[in-house]
């Protein structure tokens, strides 16, 4: 099965799950088990989007040309809260590595690091203003797992679907 077929499957899964998210939203996400069930049901589709940023980053940036954001078929990989040159932290990391953030390589690294942000907010995210579940805990073994919907810093009225691990910095 090729990656495009998997991506189409992920979008179809999202279309099927979207009414469940609407139902959970209508219930105000007071039914935590339903909210978590929806979140876990979306996880396979999110993993496909997550993986596609590594596979398609170069093609997406090449298609964007000099634009600040991705568009067309690559919109799902765009970062709605920052241009392709990345945020301040990304720009510092690029410069430290001898890469200009506005270069092709700098933009590709940004998409590999943060691509799928548009999908996380607009496809898998939920409307801002409710108390959505988010589990975030720093573990003693050196990393911080987080998953759920991140209600801090909504973009365009949406809270981001979150799933990841961060290595704890000393």
C-alpha atoms as a PDB file:
ATOM      1  CA  UNK A   1       0.000   0.000   0.000  1.00  0.00           C
ATOM      2  CA  UNK A   2       1.580   3.308  -0.997  1.00  0.00           C
ATOM      3  CA  UNK A   3       1.664   6.401   1.206  1.00  0.00           C
ATOM      4  CA  UNK A   4      -0.907   8.287  -0.881  1.00  0.00           C
ATOM      5  CA  UNK A   5      -3.416   5.464  -0.387  1.00  0.00           C
ATOM      6  CA  UNK A   6      -2.731   5.541   3.346  1.00  0.00           C
ATOM      7  CA  UNK A   7      -3.247   9.308   3.396  1.00  0.00           C
ATOM      8  CA  UNK A   8      -6.576   8.933   1.580  1.00  0.00           C
ATOM      9  CA  UNK A   9      -7.552   6.255   4.115  1.00  0.00           C
ATOM     10  CA  UNK A  10      -6.619   8.645   6.931  1.00  0.00           C
ATOM     11  CA  UNK A  11      -8.840  11.380   5.479  1.00  0.00           C
ATOM     12  CA  UNK A  12     -11.738   8.943   5.107  1.00  0.00           C
ATOM     13  CA  UNK A  13     -11.253   7.839   8.705  1.00  0.00           C
ATOM     14  CA  UNK A  14     -11.384  11.475   9.773  1.00  0.00           C
ATOM     15  CA  UNK A  15     -14.611  12.007   7.791  1.00  0.00           C
ATOM     16  CA  UNK A  16     -16.159   9.046   9.605  1.00  0.00           C
ATOM     17  CA  UNK A  17     -14.949  10.222  13.022  1.00  0.00           C
ATOM     18  CA  UNK A  18     -15.925  13.849  12.512  1.00  0.00           C
ATOM     19  CA  UNK A  19     -19.587  13.281  13.517  1.00  0.00           C
ATOM     20  CA  UNK A  20     -18.365  11.613  16.729  1.00  0.00           C
ATOM     21  CA  UNK A  21     -16.276  14.669  17.538  1.00  0.00           C
ATOM     22  CA  UNK A  22     -19.345  16.835  16.914  1.00  0.00           C
ATOM     23  CA  UNK A  23     -21.373  14.630  19.272  1.00  0.00           C
ATOM     24  CA  UNK A  24     -18.687  14.799  21.936  1.00  0.00           C
ATOM     25  CA  UNK A  25     -18.521  18.564  21.499  1.00  0.00           C
ATOM     26  CA  UNK A  26     -22.313  18.793  21.870  1.00  0.00           C
ATOM     27  CA  UNK A  27     -21.934  16.904  25.147  1.00  0.00           C
ATOM     28  CA  UNK A  28     -19.310  19.461  26.139  1.00  0.00           C
ATOM     29  CA  UNK A  29     -16.720  16.683  26.377  1.00  0.00           C
ATOM     30  CA  UNK A  30     -18.186  16.012  29.810  1.00  0.00           C
ATOM     31  CA  UNK A  31     -18.101  12.362  28.836  1.00  0.00           C
ATOM     32  CA  UNK A  32     -14.335  11.872  29.201  1.00  0.00           C
ATOM     33  CA  UNK A  33     -14.373   8.217  28.087  1.00  0.00           C
ATOM     34  CA  UNK A  34     -16.042   9.255  24.796  1.00  0.00           C
ATOM     35  CA  UNK A  35     -13.504  12.054  24.276  1.00  0.00           C
ATOM     36  CA  UNK A  36     -10.583   9.687  24.862  1.00  0.00           C
ATOM     37  CA  UNK A  37     -12.149   7.008  22.633  1.00  0.00           C
ATOM     38  CA  UNK A  38     -12.382   9.548  19.808  1.00  0.00           C
ATOM     39  CA  UNK A  39      -8.815  10.709  20.406  1.00  0.00           C
ATOM     40  CA  UNK A  40      -7.479   7.127  20.258  1.00  0.00           C
ATOM     41  CA  UNK A  41      -9.594   6.345  17.177  1.00  0.00           C
ATOM     42  CA  UNK A  42      -7.970   9.313  15.398  1.00  0.00           C
ATOM     43  CA  UNK A  43      -4.452   8.214  16.317  1.00  0.00           C
ATOM     44  CA  UNK A  44      -3.797   5.961  13.281  1.00  0.00           C
ATOM     45  CA  UNK A  45      -4.802   8.758  10.906  1.00  0.00           C
ATOM     46  CA  UNK A  46      -2.613  11.227  12.814  1.00  0.00           C
ATOM     47  CA  UNK A  47       0.362   8.856  12.610  1.00  0.00           C
ATOM     48  CA  UNK A  48      -0.040   8.827   8.814  1.00  0.00           C
ATOM     49  CA  UNK A  49      -0.017  12.639   8.713  1.00  0.00           C
ATOM     50  CA  UNK A  50       2.953  12.706  11.092  1.00  0.00           C
ATOM     51  CA  UNK A  51       4.950  10.273   8.943  1.00  0.00           C
ATOM     52  CA  UNK A  52       4.054  12.091   5.727  1.00  0.00           C
ATOM     53  CA  UNK A  53       5.906  15.212   6.848  1.00  0.00           C
ATOM     54  CA  UNK A  54       9.195  13.329   6.582  1.00  0.00           C
ATOM     55  CA  UNK A  55       8.297  11.777   3.229  1.00  0.00           C
ATOM     56  CA  UNK A  56       6.797  14.849   1.539  1.00  0.00           C
ATOM     57  CA  UNK A  57       8.682  17.783   3.138  1.00  0.00           C
ATOM     58  CA  UNK A  58      10.961  18.418   0.159  1.00  0.00           C
ATOM     59  CA  UNK A  59       8.131  18.181  -2.402  1.00  0.00           C
ATOM     60  CA  UNK A  60       5.907  20.474  -0.363  1.00  0.00           C
ATOM     61  CA  UNK A  61       8.593  23.136   0.110  1.00  0.00           C
ATOM     62  CA  UNK A  62       9.572  22.935  -3.568  1.00  0.00           C
ATOM     63  CA  UNK A  63       5.915  23.475  -4.550  1.00  0.00           C
ATOM     64  CA  UNK A  64       5.646  26.483  -2.213  1.00  0.00           C
ATOM     65  CA  UNK A  65       8.474  28.336  -3.965  1.00  0.00           C
ATOM     66  CA  UNK A  66       8.975  31.703  -2.257  1.00  0.00           C
ATOM     67  CA  UNK A  67       5.617  31.618  -0.429  1.00  0.00           C
ATOM     68  CA  UNK A  68       5.471  31.844   3.375  1.00  0.00           C
ATOM     69  CA  UNK A  69       2.987  28.977   3.695  1.00  0.00           C
ATOM     70  CA  UNK A  70       2.163  25.721   1.955  1.00  0.00           C
ATOM     71  CA  UNK A  71      -0.980  25.578  -0.163  1.00  0.00           C
ATOM     72  CA  UNK A  72      -2.979  23.282  -2.404  1.00  0.00           C
ATOM     73  CA  UNK A  73      -2.474  19.573  -1.744  1.00  0.00           C
ATOM     74  CA  UNK A  74       0.275  20.426   0.771  1.00  0.00           C
ATOM     75  CA  UNK A  75      -1.907  22.596   3.047  1.00  0.00           C
ATOM     76  CA  UNK A  76      -2.260  19.772   5.573  1.00  0.00           C
ATOM     77  CA  UNK A  77       1.520  19.955   6.223  1.00  0.00           C
ATOM     78  CA  UNK A  78       1.538  23.731   6.740  1.00  0.00           C
ATOM     79  CA  UNK A  79       2.172  25.379  10.095  1.00  0.00           C
ATOM     80  CA  UNK A  80      -0.592  27.912  10.583  1.00  0.00           C
ATOM     81  CA  UNK A  81       1.137  29.698  13.453  1.00  0.00           C
ATOM     82  CA  UNK A  82       4.509  30.334  11.741  1.00  0.00           C
ATOM     83  CA  UNK A  83       5.838  30.841   8.199  1.00  0.00           C
ATOM     84  CA  UNK A  84       8.046  28.263   6.479  1.00  0.00           C
ATOM     85  CA  UNK A  85      11.121  29.941   7.954  1.00  0.00           C
ATOM     86  CA  UNK A  86       9.970  28.634  11.342  1.00  0.00           C
ATOM     87  CA  UNK A  87       9.774  30.078  14.835  1.00  0.00           C
ATOM     88  CA  UNK A  88      12.627  31.673  16.763  1.00  0.00           C
ATOM     89  CA  UNK A  89      13.865  28.379  18.172  1.00  0.00           C
ATOM     90  CA  UNK A  90      14.030  26.760  14.733  1.00  0.00           C
ATOM     91  CA  UNK A  91      15.828  29.767  13.295  1.00  0.00           C
ATOM     92  CA  UNK A  92      18.437  29.618  16.079  1.00  0.00           C
ATOM     93  CA  UNK A  93      18.984  25.881  15.510  1.00  0.00           C
ATOM     94  CA  UNK A  94      19.388  26.474  11.759  1.00  0.00           C
ATOM     95  CA  UNK A  95      21.912  29.262  12.226  1.00  0.00           C
ATOM     96  CA  UNK A  96      23.864  27.172  14.742  1.00  0.00           C
ATOM     97  CA  UNK A  97      24.056  24.406  12.111  1.00  0.00           C
ATOM     98  CA  UNK A  98      25.126  26.875   9.402  1.00  0.00           C
ATOM     99  CA  UNK A  99      21.789  26.774   7.557  1.00  0.00           C
ATOM    100  CA  UNK A 100      19.824  29.888   6.626  1.00  0.00           C
ATOM    101  CA  UNK A 101      16.222  29.473   7.916  1.00  0.00           C
ATOM    102  CA  UNK A 102      14.878  31.018   4.689  1.00  0.00           C
ATOM    103  CA  UNK A 103      16.808  28.531   2.525  1.00  0.00           C
ATOM    104  CA  UNK A 104      15.265  25.434   0.977  1.00  0.00           C
ATOM    105  CA  UNK A 105      17.056  23.223   3.539  1.00  0.00           C
ATOM    106  CA  UNK A 106      15.882  25.390   6.453  1.00  0.00           C
ATOM    107  CA  UNK A 107      12.265  25.242   5.295  1.00  0.00           C
ATOM    108  CA  UNK A 108      12.440  21.471   4.763  1.00  0.00           C
ATOM    109  CA  UNK A 109      13.782  21.012   8.303  1.00  0.00           C
ATOM    110  CA  UNK A 110      10.909  23.154   9.637  1.00  0.00           C
ATOM    111  CA  UNK A 111       8.316  20.965   7.909  1.00  0.00           C
ATOM    112  CA  UNK A 112      10.043  17.794   9.126  1.00  0.00           C
ATOM    113  CA  UNK A 113       9.981  19.174  12.680  1.00  0.00           C
ATOM    114  CA  UNK A 114       6.516  20.816  12.720  1.00  0.00           C
ATOM    115  CA  UNK A 115       4.681  19.764   9.561  1.00  0.00           C
ATOM    116  CA  UNK A 116       1.090  18.654   9.922  1.00  0.00           C
ATOM    117  CA  UNK A 117       0.281  21.553  12.222  1.00  0.00           C
ATOM    118  CA  UNK A 118      -2.606  22.609   9.950  1.00  0.00           C
ATOM    119  CA  UNK A 119      -4.070  19.099  10.081  1.00  0.00           C
ATOM    120  CA  UNK A 120      -3.589  18.933  13.870  1.00  0.00           C
ATOM    121  CA  UNK A 121      -5.669  22.096  14.312  1.00  0.00           C
ATOM    122  CA  UNK A 122      -8.154  21.978  11.462  1.00  0.00           C
ATOM    123  CA  UNK A 123      -8.728  18.248  10.783  1.00  0.00           C
ATOM    124  CA  UNK A 124      -8.130  16.590  14.130  1.00  0.00           C
ATOM    125  CA  UNK A 125      -8.496  19.591  16.417  1.00  0.00           C
ATOM    126  CA  UNK A 126     -11.585  20.713  18.272  1.00  0.00           C
ATOM    127  CA  UNK A 127     -13.271  24.064  18.794  1.00  0.00           C
ATOM    128  CA  UNK A 128     -11.661  26.274  21.409  1.00  0.00           C
ATOM    129  CA  UNK A 129     -13.562  27.131  24.557  1.00  0.00           C
ATOM    130  CA  UNK A 130     -14.255  23.727  26.069  1.00  0.00           C
ATOM    131  CA  UNK A 131     -12.280  21.730  28.617  1.00  0.00           C
ATOM    132  CA  UNK A 132     -10.730  19.005  26.478  1.00  0.00           C
ATOM    133  CA  UNK A 133      -8.565  16.283  27.970  1.00  0.00           C
ATOM    134  CA  UNK A 134      -4.782  16.617  27.731  1.00  0.00           C
ATOM    135  CA  UNK A 135      -2.387  14.353  29.566  1.00  0.00           C
ATOM    136  CA  UNK A 136       1.043  15.851  30.065  1.00  0.00           C
ATOM    137  CA  UNK A 137       3.395  14.512  32.664  1.00  0.00           C
ATOM    138  CA  UNK A 138       7.131  14.756  33.152  1.00  0.00           C
ATOM    139  CA  UNK A 139       8.458  11.323  33.979  1.00  0.00           C
ATOM    140  CA  UNK A 140      11.547  10.702  36.063  1.00  0.00           C
ATOM    141  CA  UNK A 141      13.146   8.699  33.264  1.00  0.00           C
ATOM    142  CA  UNK A 142      13.893  11.779  31.168  1.00  0.00           C
ATOM    143  CA  UNK A 143      10.936  12.421  28.893  1.00  0.00           C
ATOM    144  CA  UNK A 144       7.519  14.054  28.907  1.00  0.00           C
ATOM    145  CA  UNK A 145       4.666  12.273  27.097  1.00  0.00           C
ATOM    146  CA  UNK A 146       1.698  14.386  26.097  1.00  0.00           C
ATOM    147  CA  UNK A 147      -1.482  13.535  24.282  1.00  0.00           C
ATOM    148  CA  UNK A 148      -5.002  14.870  23.989  1.00  0.00           C
ATOM    149  CA  UNK A 149      -6.115  18.290  22.746  1.00  0.00           C
ATOM    150  CA  UNK A 150      -3.894  21.211  23.685  1.00  0.00           C
ATOM    151  CA  UNK A 151      -6.148  24.063  24.824  1.00  0.00           C
ATOM    152  CA  UNK A 152      -3.267  26.499  25.351  1.00  0.00           C
ATOM    153  CA  UNK A 153      -2.724  28.803  22.391  1.00  0.00           C
ATOM    154  CA  UNK A 154      -5.618  27.926  20.093  1.00  0.00           C
ATOM    155  CA  UNK A 155      -5.228  29.020  16.461  1.00  0.00           C
ATOM    156  CA  UNK A 156      -8.143  30.148  14.312  1.00  0.00           C
ATOM    157  CA  UNK A 157     -10.537  29.106  17.102  1.00  0.00           C
ATOM    158  CA  UNK A 158      -9.244  25.528  17.180  1.00  0.00           C
ATOM    159  CA  UNK A 159      -7.356  23.474  19.782  1.00  0.00           C
ATOM    160  CA  UNK A 160      -4.601  21.242  18.419  1.00  0.00           C
ATOM    161  CA  UNK A 161      -4.651  17.442  18.450  1.00  0.00           C
ATOM    162  CA  UNK A 162      -1.486  16.522  20.349  1.00  0.00           C
ATOM    163  CA  UNK A 163       0.582  13.395  20.568  1.00  0.00           C
ATOM    164  CA  UNK A 164       4.268  13.272  21.312  1.00  0.00           C
ATOM    165  CA  UNK A 165       7.238  12.848  23.553  1.00  0.00           C
ATOM    166  CA  UNK A 166       9.617  15.576  24.594  1.00  0.00           C
ATOM    167  CA  UNK A 167      12.989  14.802  26.038  1.00  0.00           C
ATOM    168  CA  UNK A 168      13.389  16.569  29.348  1.00  0.00           C
ATOM    169  CA  UNK A 169      16.202  19.122  29.274  1.00  0.00           C
ATOM    170  CA  UNK A 170      18.268  19.633  32.386  1.00  0.00           C
END
